[in-house]
Amino acid sequence: MSLVMTTVINAQGFAVTPAIRAHLNRRFELALVRFTDRIIHIEVFMKDLNGTGKGGEDQSVLVSVSLRGQPKVVTETVSDDLYHSISVAARRTRRAVQRAVSRHDRIERQSVSRLCLPHTPTTDMA
């Protein structure tokens, strides 16, 4: 991943091929490029829940994103196709990071505006 952050890719039940790694890097780079200054670390955990050769929705992709000054953002996607799970996980992660960043920025703006309000002393009319 060419983003300026650490990305760790883990897989259980299968090997991470160059094609899987390239697909994951491409999807997450496109999804998270606008948040590179906010992201410290990304961990991606991929798992074949049912084992190889068994059908059903069993390709899990769990993503944990560490943001500067904020709690981690975690998303999970399960599908019957690993590439589809990676693509959906990237979109879900983008939306979750966007919500977290927006929430953080809104709270920061509110606290700054409270600090900057001019203090008007109250006078007792008694």
C-alpha atoms as a PDB file:
ATOM      1  CA  MET A   1       0.000   0.000   0.000  1.00  0.00           C
ATOM      2  CA  SER A   2       1.547   3.333  -0.968  1.00  0.00           C
ATOM      3  CA  LEU A   3      -0.335   5.233   1.712  1.00  0.00           C
ATOM      4  CA  VAL A   4       1.886   6.811   4.343  1.00  0.00           C
ATOM      5  CA  MET A   5       0.884   4.446   7.134  1.00  0.00           C
ATOM      6  CA  THR A   6       1.571   0.945   8.343  1.00  0.00           C
ATOM      7  CA  THR A   7      -0.635  -1.796   6.901  1.00  0.00           C
ATOM      8  CA  VAL A   8      -0.572  -5.334   8.245  1.00  0.00           C
ATOM      9  CA  ILE A   9      -2.291  -8.107   6.295  1.00  0.00           C
ATOM     10  CA  ASN A  10      -3.052 -11.409   8.028  1.00  0.00           C
ATOM     11  CA  ALA A  11      -4.759 -14.482   6.597  1.00  0.00           C
ATOM     12  CA  GLN A  12      -5.969 -17.663   8.232  1.00  0.00           C
ATOM     13  CA  GLY A  13      -6.871 -20.728   6.206  1.00  0.00           C
ATOM     14  CA  PHE A  14      -5.181 -19.650   2.971  1.00  0.00           C
ATOM     15  CA  ALA A  15      -2.090 -17.916   1.621  1.00  0.00           C
ATOM     16  CA  VAL A  16      -2.098 -14.247   0.657  1.00  0.00           C
ATOM     17  CA  THR A  17      -1.211 -14.340  -3.029  1.00  0.00           C
ATOM     18  CA  PRO A  18       0.272 -11.372  -4.871  1.00  0.00           C
ATOM     19  CA  ALA A  19      -3.088 -10.946  -6.638  1.00  0.00           C
ATOM     20  CA  ILE A  20      -4.997 -10.810  -3.318  1.00  0.00           C
ATOM     21  CA  ARG A  21      -2.452  -8.366  -1.869  1.00  0.00           C
ATOM     22  CA  ALA A  22      -2.628  -6.138  -4.980  1.00  0.00           C
ATOM     23  CA  HIS A  23      -6.452  -6.130  -4.933  1.00  0.00           C
ATOM     24  CA  LEU A  24      -6.515  -5.284  -1.218  1.00  0.00           C
ATOM     25  CA  ASN A  25      -3.911  -2.529  -1.579  1.00  0.00           C
ATOM     26  CA  ARG A  26      -5.715  -0.992  -4.555  1.00  0.00           C
ATOM     27  CA  ARG A  27      -9.161  -1.020  -2.887  1.00  0.00           C
ATOM     28  CA  PHE A  28      -8.001   0.365   0.448  1.00  0.00           C
ATOM     29  CA  GLU A  29      -5.763   2.984  -1.121  1.00  0.00           C
ATOM     30  CA  LEU A  30      -8.682   4.313  -3.185  1.00  0.00           C
ATOM     31  CA  ALA A  31     -11.027   4.166  -0.197  1.00  0.00           C
ATOM     32  CA  LEU A  32      -8.770   5.798   2.392  1.00  0.00           C
ATOM     33  CA  VAL A  33      -6.466   8.141   0.469  1.00  0.00           C
ATOM     34  CA  ARG A  34      -8.223  11.279   1.764  1.00  0.00           C
ATOM     35  CA  PHE A  35      -7.665  10.195   5.371  1.00  0.00           C
ATOM     36  CA  THR A  36      -3.924   9.424   5.195  1.00  0.00           C
ATOM     37  CA  ASP A  37      -3.071  12.250   7.585  1.00  0.00           C
ATOM     38  CA  ARG A  38      -5.494  10.797  10.169  1.00  0.00           C
ATOM     39  CA  ILE A  39      -4.590   7.093   9.903  1.00  0.00           C
ATOM     40  CA  ILE A  40      -1.737   5.643  11.918  1.00  0.00           C
ATOM     41  CA  HIS A  41      -2.116   1.924  11.288  1.00  0.00           C
ATOM     42  CA  ILE A  42      -4.373  -0.480   9.374  1.00  0.00           C
ATOM     43  CA  GLU A  43      -4.731  -4.173  10.154  1.00  0.00           C
ATOM     44  CA  VAL A  44      -6.604  -6.478   7.809  1.00  0.00           C
ATOM     45  CA  PHE A  45      -7.522  -9.982   8.982  1.00  0.00           C
ATOM     46  CA  MET A  46      -8.816 -12.341   6.300  1.00  0.00           C
ATOM     47  CA  LYS A  47     -10.193 -15.749   7.183  1.00  0.00           C
ATOM     48  CA  ASP A  48     -11.822 -18.682   5.440  1.00  0.00           C
ATOM     49  CA  LEU A  49     -14.468 -19.475   8.054  1.00  0.00           C
ATOM     50  CA  ASN A  50     -15.509 -22.893   6.708  1.00  0.00           C
ATOM     51  CA  GLY A  51     -12.184 -24.114   5.374  1.00  0.00           C
ATOM     52  CA  THR A  52     -11.178 -24.551   1.767  1.00  0.00           C
ATOM     53  CA  GLY A  53     -13.523 -26.220  -0.674  1.00  0.00           C
ATOM     54  CA  LYS A  54     -16.688 -25.611   1.330  1.00  0.00           C
ATOM     55  CA  GLY A  55     -19.359 -23.326  -0.038  1.00  0.00           C
ATOM     56  CA  GLY A  56     -21.403 -20.595   1.559  1.00  0.00           C
ATOM     57  CA  GLU A  57     -20.598 -17.136   2.835  1.00  0.00           C
ATOM     58  CA  ASP A  58     -17.323 -17.897   4.489  1.00  0.00           C
ATOM     59  CA  GLN A  59     -14.734 -15.341   3.370  1.00  0.00           C
ATOM     60  CA  SER A  60     -14.362 -12.909   6.269  1.00  0.00           C
ATOM     61  CA  VAL A  61     -12.439  -9.631   6.115  1.00  0.00           C
ATOM     62  CA  LEU A  62     -12.049  -7.745   9.390  1.00  0.00           C
ATOM     63  CA  VAL A  63     -10.398  -4.307   9.263  1.00  0.00           C
ATOM     64  CA  SER A  64      -9.077  -2.307  12.201  1.00  0.00           C
ATOM     65  CA  VAL A  65      -7.992   1.289  11.595  1.00  0.00           C
ATOM     66  CA  SER A  66      -6.090   3.255  14.245  1.00  0.00           C
ATOM     67  CA  LEU A  67      -6.787   6.972  13.937  1.00  0.00           C
ATOM     68  CA  ARG A  68      -4.781   9.829  15.438  1.00  0.00           C
ATOM     69  CA  GLY A  69      -6.370  10.914  18.710  1.00  0.00           C
ATOM     70  CA  GLN A  70      -9.464   8.769  18.234  1.00  0.00           C
ATOM     71  CA  PRO A  71     -10.656   5.240  19.042  1.00  0.00           C
ATOM     72  CA  LYS A  72     -10.071   2.452  16.529  1.00  0.00           C
ATOM     73  CA  VAL A  73     -12.555   1.947  13.728  1.00  0.00           C
ATOM     74  CA  VAL A  74     -13.402  -1.726  13.098  1.00  0.00           C
ATOM     75  CA  THR A  75     -15.459  -3.174  10.247  1.00  0.00           C
ATOM     76  CA  GLU A  76     -16.186  -6.720   9.140  1.00  0.00           C
ATOM     77  CA  THR A  77     -17.500  -8.210   5.923  1.00  0.00           C
ATOM     78  CA  VAL A  78     -18.410 -11.809   5.124  1.00  0.00           C
ATOM     79  CA  SER A  79     -19.093 -13.039   1.603  1.00  0.00           C
ATOM     80  CA  ASP A  80     -18.708 -16.137  -0.547  1.00  0.00           C
ATOM     81  CA  ASP A  81     -15.948 -14.444  -2.564  1.00  0.00           C
ATOM     82  CA  LEU A  82     -12.758 -13.059  -1.006  1.00  0.00           C
ATOM     83  CA  TYR A  83     -12.275 -10.340  -3.628  1.00  0.00           C
ATOM     84  CA  HIS A  84     -15.855  -9.158  -3.112  1.00  0.00           C
ATOM     85  CA  SER A  85     -15.343  -9.201   0.682  1.00  0.00           C
ATOM     86  CA  ILE A  86     -12.227  -7.054   0.299  1.00  0.00           C
ATOM     87  CA  SER A  87     -14.044  -4.534  -1.922  1.00  0.00           C
ATOM     88  CA  VAL A  88     -17.031  -4.275   0.412  1.00  0.00           C
ATOM     89  CA  ALA A  89     -14.727  -4.054   3.451  1.00  0.00           C
ATOM     90  CA  ALA A  90     -12.866  -1.132   1.854  1.00  0.00           C
ATOM     91  CA  ARG A  91     -16.139   0.747   1.219  1.00  0.00           C
ATOM     92  CA  ARG A  92     -17.460   0.052   4.719  1.00  0.00           C
ATOM     93  CA  THR A  93     -14.157   1.086   6.256  1.00  0.00           C
ATOM     94  CA  ARG A  94     -14.140   4.334   4.270  1.00  0.00           C
ATOM     95  CA  ARG A  95     -17.648   5.186   5.495  1.00  0.00           C
ATOM     96  CA  ALA A  96     -16.803   4.265   9.105  1.00  0.00           C
ATOM     97  CA  VAL A  97     -13.594   6.328   9.069  1.00  0.00           C
ATOM     98  CA  GLN A  98     -15.443   9.224   7.444  1.00  0.00           C
ATOM     99  CA  ARG A  99     -18.113   9.133  10.184  1.00  0.00           C
ATOM    100  CA  ALA A 100     -15.478   8.949  12.943  1.00  0.00           C
ATOM    101  CA  VAL A 101     -13.450  11.829  11.495  1.00  0.00           C
ATOM    102  CA  SER A 102     -16.566  13.968  10.941  1.00  0.00           C
ATOM    103  CA  ARG A 103     -17.756  13.305  14.480  1.00  0.00           C
ATOM    104  CA  HIS A 104     -14.329  14.154  15.905  1.00  0.00           C
ATOM    105  CA  ASP A 105     -14.078  17.355  13.840  1.00  0.00           C
ATOM    106  CA  ARG A 106     -17.595  18.440  14.840  1.00  0.00           C
ATOM    107  CA  ILE A 107     -16.817  17.947  18.541  1.00  0.00           C
ATOM    108  CA  GLU A 108     -13.525  19.827  18.142  1.00  0.00           C
ATOM    109  CA  ARG A 109     -15.278  22.747  16.422  1.00  0.00           C
ATOM    110  CA  GLN A 110     -17.953  22.879  19.117  1.00  0.00           C
ATOM    111  CA  SER A 111     -15.433  22.907  21.952  1.00  0.00           C
ATOM    112  CA  VAL A 112     -13.325  25.581  20.234  1.00  0.00           C
ATOM    113  CA  SER A 113     -16.370  27.753  19.562  1.00  0.00           C
ATOM    114  CA  ARG A 114     -17.395  27.472  23.223  1.00  0.00           C
ATOM    115  CA  LEU A 115     -13.942  28.606  24.270  1.00  0.00           C
ATOM    116  CA  CYS A 116     -13.977  31.529  21.846  1.00  0.00           C
ATOM    117  CA  LEU A 117     -17.392  32.915  22.791  1.00  0.00           C
ATOM    118  CA  PRO A 118     -17.070  36.273  24.487  1.00  0.00           C
ATOM    119  CA  HIS A 119     -17.904  36.127  28.155  1.00  0.00           C
ATOM    120  CA  THR A 120     -20.606  38.581  29.107  1.00  0.00           C
ATOM    121  CA  PRO A 121     -20.784  39.170  32.835  1.00  0.00           C
ATOM    122  CA  THR A 122     -24.202  38.994  34.381  1.00  0.00           C
ATOM    123  CA  THR A 123     -25.327  41.753  36.651  1.00  0.00           C
ATOM    124  CA  ASP A 124     -27.719  41.359  39.506  1.00  0.00           C
ATOM    125  CA  MET A 125     -30.657  43.667  39.314  1.00  0.00           C
ATOM    126  CA  ALA A 126     -31.358  43.280  43.024  1.00  0.00           C
END
